[in-house]
Amino acid sequence: MTGAFTTAISGMRAASVRVSVAGENIANLQSSGAIDQATQSYSGYKPKQVQQSSGLGGPQTTVTTKSPGFIPVYNPDHPDANASGLIGQPDVDLAQNIVDMKIAQNAYEANAKVLRTAFEMSGALIKAIA
């Protein structure tokens, strides 16, 4: 029975991480940063992505930074523009992040149902033993 609890809670945590990362990416969608012409490095927000894998006790999540993580945009009037008039904007796919949030919501709800069922089964087992 504890396996069901552990797996459900782990699944709920993984869903929470997915929502958090997608929310952070969406919140920083319109941010910008300088692009160093010499090194092509970017100083602004770099979108994150969640890698999820199966493990003992439920899903495991790893948050990584998307590489290169930015799109060069021509905006010569921007204070961060380089000599070529380019700034960097985060390479965030709004639609994908919204889909990720919906998937995470569904996963959270499913794991909550598993947890509730495990509690009910534990209660029934305790009543049967007592």
Protein backbone atom coordinates (compact mmCIF):
# COMPACT_ATOMS: atom_id res chain seq x y z
CA MET A 1 0.00 0.00 0.00
CA THR A 2 2.86 2.40 0.73
CA GLY A 3 4.01 1.96 -2.87
CA ALA A 4 0.77 3.55 -4.07
CA PHE A 5 1.24 6.48 -1.67
CA THR A 6 4.86 6.99 -2.69
CA THR A 7 4.14 6.78 -6.41
CA ALA A 8 1.13 9.11 -6.22
CA ILE A 9 2.98 11.73 -4.17
CA SER A 10 5.98 11.51 -6.48
CA GLY A 11 3.68 11.98 -9.47
CA MET A 12 2.07 15.01 -7.83
CA ARG A 13 5.52 16.52 -7.18
CA ALA A 14 6.55 15.93 -10.80
CA ALA A 15 3.36 17.62 -12.02
CA SER A 16 4.05 20.57 -9.71
CA VAL A 17 7.55 20.94 -11.16
CA ARG A 18 6.15 20.91 -14.70
CA VAL A 19 3.63 23.64 -13.85
CA SER A 20 6.29 25.72 -12.12
CA VAL A 21 8.70 25.52 -15.06
CA ALA A 22 6.01 26.26 -17.65
CA GLY A 23 4.78 29.22 -15.58
CA GLU A 24 8.29 30.62 -15.28
CA ASN A 25 8.84 30.27 -19.02
CA ILE A 26 5.55 32.00 -19.82
CA ALA A 27 6.23 34.80 -17.33
CA ASN A 28 9.57 35.52 -19.03
CA LEU A 29 8.30 35.20 -22.60
CA GLN A 30 8.67 38.90 -23.41
CA SER A 31 11.96 39.49 -21.60
CA SER A 32 15.12 40.24 -23.55
CA GLY A 33 18.87 40.38 -23.10
CA ALA A 34 22.08 41.32 -24.81
CA ILE A 35 23.86 39.04 -27.27
CA ASP A 36 27.64 39.26 -27.17
CA GLN A 37 28.76 39.33 -30.80
CA ALA A 38 32.14 37.79 -30.12
CA THR A 39 30.99 34.79 -28.08
CA GLN A 40 27.31 34.62 -29.13
CA SER A 41 26.45 34.36 -25.44
CA TYR A 42 23.11 35.65 -24.22
CA SER A 43 22.57 37.50 -20.94
CA GLY A 44 18.77 37.21 -20.65
CA TYR A 45 16.37 34.59 -19.35
CA LYS A 46 17.03 31.09 -20.67
CA PRO A 47 13.93 28.88 -20.83
CA LYS A 48 13.86 25.71 -18.82
CA GLN A 49 12.56 22.29 -19.72
CA VAL A 50 11.57 19.30 -17.63
CA GLN A 51 12.91 15.85 -18.33
CA GLN A 52 10.79 13.17 -16.70
CA SER A 53 11.81 9.56 -16.26
CA SER A 54 10.47 6.50 -14.50
CA GLY A 55 12.08 5.36 -11.31
CA LEU A 56 11.42 3.39 -8.18
CA GLY A 57 8.68 5.14 -6.29
CA GLY A 58 7.32 7.06 -9.29
CA PRO A 59 8.45 9.63 -11.80
CA GLN A 60 11.70 11.53 -11.42
CA THR A 61 12.12 15.04 -12.83
CA THR A 62 15.19 16.94 -13.91
CA VAL A 63 15.04 20.62 -14.85
CA THR A 64 17.51 21.72 -17.52
CA THR A 65 18.14 24.97 -19.35
CA LYS A 66 17.24 25.02 -23.02
CA SER A 67 20.25 25.54 -25.27
CA PRO A 68 20.86 27.98 -26.88
CA GLY A 69 17.67 29.26 -25.29
CA PHE A 70 17.27 32.48 -27.24
CA ILE A 71 16.21 33.84 -30.60
CA PRO A 72 18.05 36.82 -32.09
CA VAL A 73 15.63 39.67 -32.83
CA TYR A 74 16.46 42.81 -34.76
CA ASN A 75 15.69 45.82 -32.54
CA PRO A 76 18.42 48.47 -32.96
CA ASP A 77 16.68 50.95 -30.64
CA HIS A 78 16.73 48.60 -27.66
CA PRO A 79 19.28 49.49 -24.95
CA ASP A 80 20.71 45.94 -25.04
CA ALA A 81 21.14 45.85 -28.84
CA ASN A 82 24.60 44.90 -30.06
CA ALA A 83 26.43 46.56 -32.97
CA SER A 84 24.29 44.60 -35.44
CA GLY A 85 21.10 45.81 -33.74
CA LEU A 86 20.28 42.37 -32.34
CA ILE A 87 18.88 41.48 -28.95
CA GLY A 88 18.02 38.05 -27.65
CA GLN A 89 14.56 36.92 -26.63
CA PRO A 90 13.87 33.64 -24.84
CA ASP A 91 13.06 30.73 -27.17
CA VAL A 92 9.76 29.99 -25.45
CA ASP A 93 6.98 28.17 -27.28
CA LEU A 94 3.84 29.54 -25.61
CA ALA A 95 1.54 26.84 -27.00
CA GLN A 96 3.86 24.04 -25.84
CA ASN A 97 4.10 25.51 -22.34
CA ILE A 98 0.30 25.78 -22.10
CA VAL A 99 -0.02 22.15 -23.24
CA ASP A 100 2.61 21.14 -20.65
CA MET A 101 0.57 22.89 -17.94
CA LYS A 102 -2.60 21.04 -19.00
CA ILE A 103 -0.77 17.70 -19.05
CA ALA A 104 0.61 18.44 -15.59
CA GLN A 105 -2.87 19.35 -14.33
CA ASN A 106 -4.28 16.05 -15.61
CA ALA A 107 -1.37 14.10 -14.10
CA TYR A 108 -1.83 15.85 -10.75
CA GLU A 109 -5.56 15.05 -10.72
CA ALA A 110 -4.92 11.40 -11.65
CA ASN A 111 -2.33 11.02 -8.89
CA ALA A 112 -4.66 12.68 -6.39
CA LYS A 113 -7.30 10.06 -7.27
CA VAL A 114 -4.75 7.27 -6.77
CA LEU A 115 -3.83 8.75 -3.38
CA ARG A 116 -7.49 9.05 -2.35
CA THR A 117 -8.16 5.45 -3.41
CA ALA A 118 -5.11 4.20 -1.49
CA PHE A 119 -6.34 6.01 1.64
CA GLU A 120 -9.80 4.49 1.23
CA MET A 121 -8.33 1.01 0.76
CA SER A 122 -6.13 1.46 3.84
CA GLY A 123 -9.17 2.53 5.85
CA ALA A 124 -11.12 -0.49 4.66
CA LEU A 125 -8.21 -2.77 5.55
CA ILE A 126 -7.95 -1.29 9.06
CA LYS A 127 -11.71 -1.77 9.58
CA ALA A 128 -11.49 -5.36 8.37
CA ILE A 129 -8.59 -6.12 10.74
CA ALA A 130 -10.15 -4.38 13.76
